[in-house]
Amino acid sequence: MSPYTKAALSAIRLIAAGFILLSLAWYCPDLILWLTHRVPHRVFVLVLKAVPLVAGAVLYWKSDDIARWLTKDLE
């Protein structure tokens, strides 16, 4: 694996981890409300908060293919 591909892979995985951490930070207040037996927000809001989690998971899962695709002309 070339150094360009490794650098792209690291950057993509860093972005994916940022998406996952952002989603977890958005879910923490809802988790605290659920643990104190209060009514959580609407379902639509919870689904919107899950979008970065899904995007981060997909980015992390496909990071190898994306890094190779981005650096295919540099090798």
C-alpha atoms as a PDB file:
ATOM      1  CA  MET A   1       0.000   0.000   0.000  1.00  0.00           C
ATOM      2  CA  SER A   2       1.401   3.380  -0.999  1.00  0.00           C
ATOM      3  CA  PRO A   3       1.915   6.197   1.504  1.00  0.00           C
ATOM      4  CA  TYR A   4      -0.753   8.262  -0.266  1.00  0.00           C
ATOM      5  CA  THR A   5      -3.297   5.501   0.208  1.00  0.00           C
ATOM      6  CA  LYS A   6      -2.325   5.172   3.874  1.00  0.00           C
ATOM      7  CA  ALA A   7      -2.707   8.921   4.386  1.00  0.00           C
ATOM      8  CA  ALA A   8      -6.096   8.944   2.653  1.00  0.00           C
ATOM      9  CA  LEU A   9      -7.188   5.924   4.692  1.00  0.00           C
ATOM     10  CA  SER A  10      -6.195   7.642   7.937  1.00  0.00           C
ATOM     11  CA  ALA A  11      -8.027  10.841   6.979  1.00  0.00           C
ATOM     12  CA  ILE A  12     -11.194   8.972   5.988  1.00  0.00           C
ATOM     13  CA  ARG A  13     -11.189   6.947   9.203  1.00  0.00           C
ATOM     14  CA  LEU A  14     -10.640  10.117  11.237  1.00  0.00           C
ATOM     15  CA  ILE A  15     -13.658  11.741   9.573  1.00  0.00           C
ATOM     16  CA  ALA A  16     -15.743   8.598  10.180  1.00  0.00           C
ATOM     17  CA  ALA A  17     -14.754   8.584  13.867  1.00  0.00           C
ATOM     18  CA  GLY A  18     -15.742  12.257  14.083  1.00  0.00           C
ATOM     19  CA  PHE A  19     -19.189  11.474  12.683  1.00  0.00           C
ATOM     20  CA  ILE A  20     -19.655   8.640  15.167  1.00  0.00           C
ATOM     21  CA  LEU A  21     -18.549  10.769  18.128  1.00  0.00           C
ATOM     22  CA  LEU A  22     -20.817  13.615  17.011  1.00  0.00           C
ATOM     23  CA  SER A  23     -23.782  11.295  16.901  1.00  0.00           C
ATOM     24  CA  LEU A  24     -22.973   9.867  20.328  1.00  0.00           C
ATOM     25  CA  ALA A  25     -22.686  13.385  21.755  1.00  0.00           C
ATOM     26  CA  TRP A  26     -26.107  14.233  20.351  1.00  0.00           C
ATOM     27  CA  TYR A  27     -27.610  11.070  21.852  1.00  0.00           C
ATOM     28  CA  CYS A  28     -26.243  11.542  25.400  1.00  0.00           C
ATOM     29  CA  PRO A  29     -29.034  13.910  26.578  1.00  0.00           C
ATOM     30  CA  ASP A  30     -31.678  11.563  25.186  1.00  0.00           C
ATOM     31  CA  LEU A  31     -30.046   8.629  26.962  1.00  0.00           C
ATOM     32  CA  ILE A  32     -30.078  10.534  30.259  1.00  0.00           C
ATOM     33  CA  LEU A  33     -33.761  11.374  29.763  1.00  0.00           C
ATOM     34  CA  TRP A  34     -34.518   7.725  29.036  1.00  0.00           C
ATOM     35  CA  LEU A  35     -32.622   6.576  32.139  1.00  0.00           C
ATOM     36  CA  THR A  36     -34.594   9.012  34.334  1.00  0.00           C
ATOM     37  CA  HIS A  37     -37.877   7.647  32.892  1.00  0.00           C
ATOM     38  CA  ARG A  38     -38.859  10.840  31.145  1.00  0.00           C
ATOM     39  CA  VAL A  39     -40.396  10.985  27.717  1.00  0.00           C
ATOM     40  CA  PRO A  40     -37.699  11.291  24.995  1.00  0.00           C
ATOM     41  CA  HIS A  41     -38.012  13.532  21.971  1.00  0.00           C
ATOM     42  CA  ARG A  42     -40.025  12.722  18.905  1.00  0.00           C
ATOM     43  CA  VAL A  43     -39.003   9.753  16.816  1.00  0.00           C
ATOM     44  CA  PHE A  44     -38.175  11.966  13.813  1.00  0.00           C
ATOM     45  CA  VAL A  45     -35.591  13.889  15.849  1.00  0.00           C
ATOM     46  CA  LEU A  46     -34.012  10.648  17.062  1.00  0.00           C
ATOM     47  CA  VAL A  47     -33.787   9.343  13.495  1.00  0.00           C
ATOM     48  CA  LEU A  48     -32.117  12.580  12.358  1.00  0.00           C
ATOM     49  CA  LYS A  49     -29.588  12.255  15.165  1.00  0.00           C
ATOM     50  CA  ALA A  50     -28.744   8.751  13.931  1.00  0.00           C
ATOM     51  CA  VAL A  51     -27.779   9.919  10.434  1.00  0.00           C
ATOM     52  CA  PRO A  52     -24.155  10.831  11.374  1.00  0.00           C
ATOM     53  CA  LEU A  53     -23.795   7.480  13.148  1.00  0.00           C
ATOM     54  CA  VAL A  54     -24.846   5.582  10.033  1.00  0.00           C
ATOM     55  CA  ALA A  55     -22.723   7.800   7.779  1.00  0.00           C
ATOM     56  CA  GLY A  56     -19.680   7.287  10.000  1.00  0.00           C
ATOM     57  CA  ALA A  57     -20.195   3.536  10.103  1.00  0.00           C
ATOM     58  CA  VAL A  58     -20.529   3.326   6.313  1.00  0.00           C
ATOM     59  CA  LEU A  59     -17.473   5.545   5.806  1.00  0.00           C
ATOM     60  CA  TYR A  60     -15.414   3.398   8.151  1.00  0.00           C
ATOM     61  CA  TRP A  61     -16.636   0.197   6.510  1.00  0.00           C
ATOM     62  CA  LYS A  62     -15.867   1.404   2.973  1.00  0.00           C
ATOM     63  CA  SER A  63     -12.719   3.390   3.862  1.00  0.00           C
ATOM     64  CA  ASP A  64     -10.340   0.973   2.111  1.00  0.00           C
ATOM     65  CA  ASP A  65     -12.234   1.168  -1.180  1.00  0.00           C
ATOM     66  CA  ILE A  66     -12.612   4.956  -0.978  1.00  0.00           C
ATOM     67  CA  ALA A  67      -8.899   5.458  -0.209  1.00  0.00           C
ATOM     68  CA  ARG A  68      -7.869   3.263  -3.138  1.00  0.00           C
ATOM     69  CA  TRP A  69     -10.311   5.069  -5.428  1.00  0.00           C
ATOM     70  CA  LEU A  70      -8.991   8.492  -4.372  1.00  0.00           C
ATOM     71  CA  THR A  71      -5.352   7.541  -4.858  1.00  0.00           C
ATOM     72  CA  LYS A  72      -5.545   5.289  -7.922  1.00  0.00           C
ATOM     73  CA  ASP A  73      -3.889   7.890 -10.178  1.00  0.00           C
ATOM     74  CA  LEU A  74      -1.083   8.710  -7.714  1.00  0.00           C
ATOM     75  CA  GLU A  75       0.570   5.298  -7.772  1.00  0.00           C
END
